[in-house]
Amino acid sequence: MTDPSSVTIVAHDIGPNGGMELVLLELIKGLVAAGDRVTVIARTFDGSGIDVDFHRVPGPSRPFLLAYPWFFLAAGLLLRRHRDGVVQTTGAIVANRVDVTSVHFCHRGFASKGGEPQTSHPGLVFRAHARVAAAMSRIGEGLCYRPGRVTTVVAVSRGVADELRAHYPAIAQNIVVIPNGVDIKRFSPSPARRTATRSKLELADDALVALFVGGDWERKGLSFAIDAVAQAPQWILVVVGGGDRERYGTLAARLGVADRVHFLGHVADTAPIFQSADVLVLPTTYEADPLVALEAAAAGLPVLATPVNGVVDLVQDGASGYLIERDGASLAQRLCDLASMDGTLTHMRLAARQTALTRSWDVAVAKHHALYVAIGRG
């Protein structure tokens, strides 16, 4: 019988930067704090002070067409040597038989909804690379998401679970949903930090601030957020994350809102930025279970987002935020509503925070631990 107190986590990278990377770090932190023994097999592990048995996967992190198959083979060899207890991978990244695979992004689901692969730079070569990389990811899913390779598949939202059932029906009965968690203390509302951060950013105390957080600005809909602010003159837009600043800065200037769109770039600690804002805007085409929406809700921000995976599980339309169409007009209308309806923003803040309180990391870790115990007893 597998020892339920021993878990091996296999992932490309684990650390505080990035969505999947942070989820894994918090999971490992919680497991270790609970007394479990954790083995980590990854390219990088940025978890200072966390007691794990770490085995580094040597090799390149890019380009993807080289890094992905290299990791597939190298990590698989290390897993054969160092697997201990229940084995969990993050996505389709090794060919070995594993107990659990957590899925934070379904590539076939994304493609079926018309999603275009992200490119790091403009140009034909980079677009071609992105398309081949996406095809390779879908092939990897086909190899790994089948009964002979995985016992249980953990989807991070109901929407991702539905995509997996639709595209990989052979594992439909083996899918469970465990949503991501959030640090409800770090991202709690703080009037003092709100005032201090606004002062640092040179934002007036009474300004209405919409926050946009993330990379891949095309997919996440930054152009629609800028367009919305142009139609909602009461609002300022703060943009956190990396992207084509020249292109979107030009758009803001063309729409006459360059002075109301603030690009902060990458921010090491986003909690104060969330605490300084009034709403989060996310007019995205595809998500799995966006951490930014959870962090915003925990900080007491209503979430204005398209009804994508994860968002529909979090946002109570009209109560803790709004589900919007993916266009500037729909988002602008909701921003104008919030600016004009007395007390609505305050009530939504409270509702968003209450929703987030049910999604702490402690809850997410406990659900994973219970799954490991069940597998060990099976």
Protein backbone atom coordinates (compact mmCIF):
# COMPACT_ATOMS: atom_id res chain seq x y z
CA MET A 1 0.00 0.00 0.00
CA THR A 2 1.27 3.47 -0.86
CA ASP A 3 2.32 5.47 2.17
CA PRO A 4 -0.10 8.44 2.23
CA SER A 5 2.46 10.56 4.10
CA SER A 6 4.85 10.47 1.13
CA VAL A 7 4.21 12.48 -2.04
CA THR A 8 6.33 13.04 -5.14
CA ILE A 9 5.56 16.22 -7.11
CA VAL A 10 6.78 16.51 -10.71
CA ALA A 11 6.59 19.90 -12.43
CA HIS A 12 8.56 22.12 -14.77
CA ASP A 13 9.08 24.91 -12.25
CA ILE A 14 7.90 25.64 -8.71
CA GLY A 15 8.09 29.01 -6.99
CA PRO A 16 6.32 32.26 -6.10
CA ASN A 17 6.29 33.63 -9.64
CA GLY A 18 3.63 32.41 -12.05
CA GLY A 19 0.25 30.78 -11.60
CA MET A 20 0.92 27.03 -11.63
CA GLU A 21 4.29 27.59 -10.01
CA LEU A 22 2.73 29.38 -7.04
CA VAL A 23 -0.08 26.82 -6.68
CA LEU A 24 2.48 24.03 -6.41
CA LEU A 25 4.61 25.98 -3.94
CA GLU A 26 1.63 26.57 -1.66
CA LEU A 27 0.57 22.92 -1.95
CA ILE A 28 4.05 21.68 -1.03
CA LYS A 29 4.32 24.19 1.80
CA GLY A 30 1.03 22.99 3.23
CA LEU A 31 1.88 19.31 2.90
CA VAL A 32 5.24 19.76 4.60
CA ALA A 33 3.66 21.81 7.40
CA ALA A 34 1.22 18.94 7.94
CA GLY A 35 4.13 16.51 8.38
CA ASP A 36 4.12 14.85 4.96
CA ARG A 37 7.36 13.84 3.28
CA VAL A 38 7.62 15.51 -0.14
CA THR A 39 9.95 14.71 -3.02
CA VAL A 40 10.21 17.33 -5.78
CA ILE A 41 11.38 16.65 -9.33
CA ALA A 42 11.57 19.89 -11.31
CA ARG A 43 13.81 22.19 -13.32
CA THR A 44 13.67 24.81 -10.58
CA PHE A 45 12.37 24.88 -7.03
CA ASP A 46 12.25 28.28 -5.35
CA GLY A 47 11.05 27.31 -1.90
CA SER A 48 13.50 28.65 0.62
CA GLY A 49 13.09 27.06 4.04
CA ILE A 50 10.74 24.28 2.86
CA ASP A 51 12.14 20.86 3.72
CA VAL A 52 11.79 18.69 0.61
CA ASP A 53 13.91 16.12 -1.20
CA PHE A 54 14.62 18.10 -4.39
CA HIS A 55 15.97 16.53 -7.58
CA ARG A 56 16.75 19.05 -10.29
CA VAL A 57 15.96 18.17 -13.90
CA PRO A 58 18.91 19.50 -15.90
CA GLY A 59 18.30 20.96 -19.33
CA PRO A 60 16.95 23.99 -21.18
CA SER A 61 13.81 25.91 -20.28
CA ARG A 62 13.41 27.24 -23.84
CA PRO A 63 12.70 27.04 -26.67
CA PHE A 64 9.64 24.95 -25.89
CA LEU A 65 10.17 22.64 -28.87
CA LEU A 66 13.41 21.51 -27.27
CA ALA A 67 12.64 21.98 -23.59
CA TYR A 68 9.35 20.05 -23.53
CA PRO A 69 10.55 16.71 -24.99
CA TRP A 70 13.82 17.01 -23.07
CA PHE A 71 11.97 17.37 -19.75
CA PHE A 72 9.56 14.59 -20.77
CA LEU A 73 12.49 12.16 -20.98
CA ALA A 74 14.84 13.51 -18.29
CA ALA A 75 12.18 13.95 -15.61
CA GLY A 76 10.79 10.53 -16.45
CA LEU A 77 14.17 8.94 -15.77
CA LEU A 78 14.54 10.80 -12.48
CA LEU A 79 11.03 9.77 -11.46
CA ARG A 80 11.88 6.11 -12.01
CA ARG A 81 14.77 6.47 -9.57
CA HIS A 82 13.28 8.75 -6.92
CA ARG A 83 9.50 8.21 -6.83
CA ASP A 84 8.24 7.96 -3.27
CA GLY A 85 4.63 7.39 -2.28
CA VAL A 86 1.85 9.02 -4.31
CA VAL A 87 3.14 10.59 -7.53
CA GLN A 88 1.54 13.79 -8.83
CA THR A 89 2.47 15.54 -12.07
CA THR A 90 1.38 18.93 -13.32
CA GLY A 91 -0.04 18.36 -16.78
CA ALA A 92 1.24 16.01 -19.46
CA ILE A 93 4.95 16.21 -18.73
CA VAL A 94 6.21 12.61 -18.26
CA ALA A 95 5.29 9.28 -19.83
CA ASN A 96 5.54 7.36 -16.53
CA ARG A 97 2.55 5.80 -14.84
CA VAL A 98 1.42 8.27 -12.15
CA ASP A 99 -1.24 8.43 -9.47
CA VAL A 100 -2.41 12.02 -9.94
CA THR A 101 -2.16 14.60 -12.70
CA SER A 102 -3.30 18.13 -11.94
CA VAL A 103 -4.54 20.06 -14.98
CA HIS A 104 -4.30 23.86 -14.95
CA PHE A 105 -4.80 24.29 -18.69
CA CYS A 106 -6.45 21.96 -21.19
CA HIS A 107 -4.74 22.55 -24.52
CA ARG A 108 -7.38 20.74 -26.54
CA GLY A 109 -10.08 22.65 -24.71
CA PHE A 110 -8.34 25.93 -25.47
CA ALA A 111 -7.95 25.06 -29.15
CA SER A 112 -11.58 23.94 -29.46
CA LYS A 113 -12.70 27.39 -28.29
CA GLY A 114 -10.67 29.09 -31.00
CA GLY A 115 -7.79 30.06 -28.75
CA GLU A 116 -4.64 31.25 -30.50
CA PRO A 117 -1.25 30.19 -29.07
CA GLN A 118 0.68 32.95 -27.32
CA THR A 119 3.83 34.25 -29.00
CA SER A 120 6.70 35.81 -27.08
CA HIS A 121 7.53 38.12 -29.99
CA PRO A 122 5.80 39.24 -33.18
CA GLY A 123 6.79 37.66 -36.49
CA LEU A 124 6.18 34.60 -38.65
CA VAL A 125 8.87 32.46 -37.02
CA PHE A 126 7.53 33.01 -33.52
CA ARG A 127 3.93 32.38 -34.61
CA ALA A 128 5.00 29.14 -36.28
CA HIS A 129 6.88 28.08 -33.14
CA ALA A 130 3.83 28.80 -30.97
CA ARG A 131 1.55 26.73 -33.18
CA VAL A 132 3.90 23.75 -33.28
CA ALA A 133 4.36 24.02 -29.50
CA ALA A 134 0.59 24.01 -29.00
CA ALA A 135 0.25 20.94 -31.23
CA MET A 136 3.00 19.21 -29.26
CA SER A 137 1.17 19.97 -26.01
CA ARG A 138 -2.01 18.43 -27.37
CA ILE A 139 -0.09 15.32 -28.42
CA GLY A 140 1.38 15.11 -24.93
CA GLU A 141 -2.08 15.28 -23.41
CA GLY A 142 -3.22 12.43 -25.64
CA LEU A 143 -0.30 10.29 -24.48
CA CYS A 144 -0.74 11.01 -20.77
CA TYR A 145 -4.46 11.50 -20.19
CA ARG A 146 -5.55 7.87 -20.46
CA PRO A 147 -6.31 5.12 -17.93
CA GLY A 148 -3.02 3.32 -18.47
CA ARG A 149 -1.04 6.39 -17.48
CA VAL A 150 -2.94 8.13 -14.66
CA THR A 151 -5.25 7.03 -11.85
CA THR A 152 -6.86 10.36 -10.95
CA VAL A 153 -6.98 13.65 -12.83
CA VAL A 154 -7.43 16.81 -10.76
CA ALA A 155 -9.04 19.68 -12.66
CA VAL A 156 -8.73 23.13 -11.10
CA SER A 157 -12.28 24.12 -12.07
CA ARG A 158 -15.55 22.59 -13.23
CA GLY A 159 -14.97 24.05 -16.68
CA VAL A 160 -11.59 22.34 -17.06
CA ALA A 161 -13.18 19.09 -15.86
CA ASP A 162 -15.85 19.42 -18.55
CA GLU A 163 -13.18 20.02 -21.20
CA LEU A 164 -11.24 16.95 -20.09
CA ARG A 165 -14.36 14.79 -20.19
CA ALA A 166 -15.19 16.06 -23.67
CA HIS A 167 -11.74 15.56 -25.17
CA TYR A 168 -10.50 12.58 -23.13
CA PRO A 169 -13.63 10.53 -22.40
CA ALA A 170 -11.62 7.44 -21.40
CA ILE A 171 -10.65 9.18 -18.13
CA ALA A 172 -14.02 10.84 -17.52
CA GLN A 173 -14.76 8.72 -14.44
CA ASN A 174 -11.35 9.50 -12.94
CA ILE A 175 -11.69 13.29 -12.85
CA VAL A 176 -12.14 15.28 -9.63
CA VAL A 177 -12.23 19.04 -9.11
CA ILE A 178 -9.98 20.77 -6.58
CA PRO A 179 -9.91 24.55 -7.14
CA ASN A 180 -6.89 26.71 -6.50
CA GLY A 181 -6.53 28.45 -3.16
CA VAL A 182 -5.62 31.97 -2.11
CA ASP A 183 -3.73 33.54 0.79
CA ILE A 184 -6.67 35.16 2.55
CA LYS A 185 -4.40 36.96 5.03
CA ARG A 186 -1.92 38.43 2.58
CA PHE A 187 -4.67 39.61 0.22
CA SER A 188 -7.06 40.87 2.89
CA PRO A 189 -8.51 44.39 2.58
CA SER A 190 -6.32 47.03 4.23
CA PRO A 191 -7.39 50.71 4.30
CA ALA A 192 -3.93 51.71 5.52
CA ARG A 193 -2.10 49.94 2.68
CA ARG A 194 -4.68 51.27 0.23
CA THR A 195 -3.84 54.83 1.22
CA ALA A 196 -0.08 54.24 1.26
CA THR A 197 -0.01 52.50 -2.11
CA ARG A 198 -2.19 55.13 -3.74
CA SER A 199 0.12 57.82 -2.45
CA LYS A 200 3.11 55.96 -3.91
CA LEU A 201 1.35 55.55 -7.25
CA GLU A 202 0.15 59.17 -7.18
CA LEU A 203 -3.50 58.15 -7.27
CA ALA A 204 -6.09 60.27 -5.47
CA ASP A 205 -7.83 58.71 -2.47
CA ASP A 206 -11.24 59.16 -4.08
CA ALA A 207 -10.24 57.95 -7.57
CA LEU A 208 -12.03 54.89 -8.95
CA VAL A 209 -9.32 52.39 -9.90
CA ALA A 210 -9.83 49.36 -12.14
CA LEU A 211 -7.01 46.82 -12.00
CA PHE A 212 -5.77 44.55 -14.80
CA VAL A 213 -3.18 41.92 -13.83
CA GLY A 214 -1.35 39.40 -16.00
CA GLY A 215 0.69 38.71 -19.11
CA ASP A 216 -0.56 37.58 -22.52
CA TRP A 217 -2.44 40.86 -22.90
CA GLU A 218 -4.08 39.80 -26.15
CA ARG A 219 -5.79 36.75 -24.65
CA LYS A 220 -6.67 38.48 -21.39
CA GLY A 221 -8.25 41.41 -23.24
CA LEU A 222 -6.26 44.48 -22.23
CA SER A 223 -7.47 46.30 -25.34
CA PHE A 224 -11.07 45.91 -24.14
CA ALA A 225 -10.14 47.17 -20.67
CA ILE A 226 -8.55 50.30 -22.18
CA ASP A 227 -11.56 50.80 -24.44
CA ALA A 228 -13.88 50.45 -21.45
CA VAL A 229 -12.02 53.11 -19.47
CA ALA A 230 -12.29 55.41 -22.47
CA GLN A 231 -16.08 55.01 -22.22
CA ALA A 232 -16.17 55.29 -18.41
CA PRO A 233 -14.51 58.63 -17.63
CA GLN A 234 -14.84 58.20 -13.86
CA TRP A 235 -12.28 55.36 -13.88
CA ILE A 236 -8.50 54.94 -13.97
CA LEU A 237 -6.91 51.71 -15.23
CA VAL A 238 -3.80 50.27 -13.57
CA VAL A 239 -2.01 47.55 -15.55
CA VAL A 240 0.32 45.08 -13.81
CA GLY A 241 2.39 42.59 -15.79
CA GLY A 242 4.53 42.40 -18.89
CA GLY A 243 3.43 42.87 -22.48
CA ASP A 244 3.68 45.07 -25.55
CA ARG A 245 3.56 48.37 -23.71
CA GLU A 246 4.22 50.42 -26.83
CA ARG A 247 1.25 48.91 -28.68
CA TYR A 248 -1.22 49.30 -25.83
CA GLY A 249 0.15 52.69 -24.83
CA THR A 250 -0.50 53.83 -28.39
CA LEU A 251 -4.06 52.48 -28.15
CA ALA A 252 -4.62 54.41 -24.93
CA ALA A 253 -3.31 57.59 -26.54
CA ARG A 254 -5.49 57.10 -29.62
CA LEU A 255 -8.56 56.72 -27.38
CA GLY A 256 -7.57 59.80 -25.39
CA VAL A 257 -6.94 58.04 -22.08
CA ALA A 258 -3.14 57.89 -21.90
CA ASP A 259 -3.31 59.90 -18.67
CA ARG A 260 -5.79 57.40 -17.15
CA VAL A 261 -3.92 54.19 -18.02
CA HIS A 262 -0.94 53.44 -15.79
CA PHE A 263 1.49 50.65 -16.75
CA LEU A 264 3.38 49.37 -13.69
CA GLY A 265 5.22 46.46 -15.36
CA HIS A 266 6.16 43.44 -13.27
CA VAL A 267 5.47 43.91 -9.55
CA ALA A 268 7.18 41.61 -7.04
CA ASP A 269 4.45 41.96 -4.40
CA THR A 270 1.02 42.49 -5.92
CA ALA A 271 -0.95 42.43 -2.67
CA PRO A 272 -0.67 46.20 -2.04
CA ILE A 273 -1.77 46.87 -5.63
CA PHE A 274 -4.90 44.76 -5.14
CA GLN A 275 -5.56 46.51 -1.84
CA SER A 276 -5.32 49.92 -3.51
CA ALA A 277 -7.83 49.18 -6.31
CA ASP A 278 -11.62 49.13 -6.50
CA VAL A 279 -12.33 46.36 -9.04
CA LEU A 280 -10.50 43.76 -11.11
CA VAL A 281 -11.21 43.65 -14.85
CA LEU A 282 -10.54 40.45 -16.79
CA PRO A 283 -12.16 40.37 -20.28
CA THR A 284 -10.29 37.18 -21.18
CA THR A 285 -10.93 34.50 -23.78
CA TYR A 286 -9.76 31.49 -21.74
CA GLU A 287 -8.72 30.64 -18.19
CA ALA A 288 -8.60 27.52 -16.05
CA ASP A 289 -9.02 28.98 -12.54
CA PRO A 290 -7.37 32.42 -12.56
CA LEU A 291 -5.44 33.21 -9.41
CA VAL A 292 -5.75 36.94 -10.07
CA ALA A 293 -9.53 36.68 -9.70
CA LEU A 294 -9.15 34.82 -6.40
CA GLU A 295 -6.58 37.30 -5.11
CA ALA A 296 -8.80 40.20 -6.10
CA ALA A 297 -11.81 38.71 -4.33
CA ALA A 298 -9.73 38.05 -1.22
CA ALA A 299 -8.66 41.70 -1.24
CA GLY A 300 -12.31 42.71 -1.42
CA LEU A 301 -12.44 43.61 -5.10
CA PRO A 302 -15.48 42.82 -7.24
CA VAL A 303 -14.39 40.86 -10.31
CA LEU A 304 -15.65 42.03 -13.72
CA ALA A 305 -14.80 39.17 -16.05
CA THR A 306 -15.96 37.08 -18.95
CA PRO A 307 -17.72 33.83 -17.91
CA VAL A 308 -14.73 31.56 -18.41
CA ASN A 309 -13.52 28.54 -16.43
CA GLY A 310 -13.02 29.34 -12.77
CA VAL A 311 -14.64 32.76 -12.99
CA VAL A 312 -18.14 31.27 -13.16
CA ASP A 313 -17.33 29.26 -10.02
CA LEU A 314 -16.18 32.37 -8.15
CA VAL A 315 -18.26 35.34 -9.29
CA GLN A 316 -21.90 35.68 -8.28
CA ASP A 317 -23.17 37.90 -11.08
CA GLY A 318 -24.53 41.11 -9.62
CA ALA A 319 -23.47 40.21 -6.08
CA SER A 320 -19.66 39.80 -5.90
CA GLY A 321 -18.94 41.10 -9.39
CA TYR A 322 -20.26 41.01 -12.93
CA LEU A 323 -20.02 38.51 -15.76
CA ILE A 324 -19.44 40.57 -18.90
CA GLU A 325 -19.20 40.21 -22.65
CA ARG A 326 -15.73 40.38 -24.15
CA ASP A 327 -15.97 43.92 -25.45
CA GLY A 328 -15.29 47.41 -24.19
CA ALA A 329 -18.94 48.48 -24.18
CA SER A 330 -20.11 45.71 -21.83
CA LEU A 331 -17.28 46.34 -19.39
CA ALA A 332 -17.74 50.12 -19.59
CA GLN A 333 -21.43 49.80 -18.77
CA ARG A 334 -20.67 47.88 -15.59
CA LEU A 335 -17.97 50.34 -14.58
CA CYS A 336 -20.42 53.20 -15.07
CA ASP A 337 -23.04 51.33 -13.06
CA LEU A 338 -20.65 50.92 -10.14
CA ALA A 339 -19.70 54.59 -10.29
CA SER A 340 -23.31 55.74 -10.21
CA MET A 341 -25.04 53.29 -7.85
CA ASP A 342 -24.49 54.36 -4.25
CA GLY A 343 -23.41 51.55 -1.94
CA THR A 344 -23.19 48.89 -4.64
CA LEU A 345 -19.41 48.85 -4.73
CA THR A 346 -19.24 48.51 -0.94
CA HIS A 347 -21.70 45.61 -0.88
CA MET A 348 -19.87 43.84 -3.70
CA ARG A 349 -16.57 44.24 -1.88
CA LEU A 350 -17.96 42.44 1.15
CA ALA A 351 -19.51 39.68 -0.96
CA ALA A 352 -16.27 39.12 -2.89
CA ARG A 353 -14.30 38.80 0.32
CA GLN A 354 -16.79 36.34 1.81
CA THR A 355 -16.55 34.15 -1.29
CA ALA A 356 -12.77 34.10 -1.12
CA LEU A 357 -12.80 33.01 2.53
CA THR A 358 -14.04 29.59 1.40
CA ARG A 359 -11.03 29.19 -0.92
CA SER A 360 -8.02 29.38 1.41
CA TRP A 361 -4.87 27.38 0.72
CA ASP A 362 -5.64 25.31 3.84
CA VAL A 363 -8.82 24.08 2.15
CA ALA A 364 -7.03 23.26 -1.12
CA VAL A 365 -4.19 21.44 0.65
CA ALA A 366 -6.62 19.43 2.80
CA LYS A 367 -8.49 18.26 -0.31
CA HIS A 368 -5.25 17.14 -1.96
CA HIS A 369 -4.14 15.35 1.19
CA ALA A 370 -7.47 13.52 1.43
CA LEU A 371 -7.05 12.42 -2.19
CA TYR A 372 -3.55 11.09 -1.49
CA VAL A 373 -4.83 9.13 1.52
CA ALA A 374 -7.67 7.65 -0.54
CA ILE A 375 -5.22 6.59 -3.26
CA GLY A 376 -2.90 5.10 -0.65
CA ARG A 377 -5.73 3.04 0.83
CA GLY A 378 -6.78 1.90 -2.61
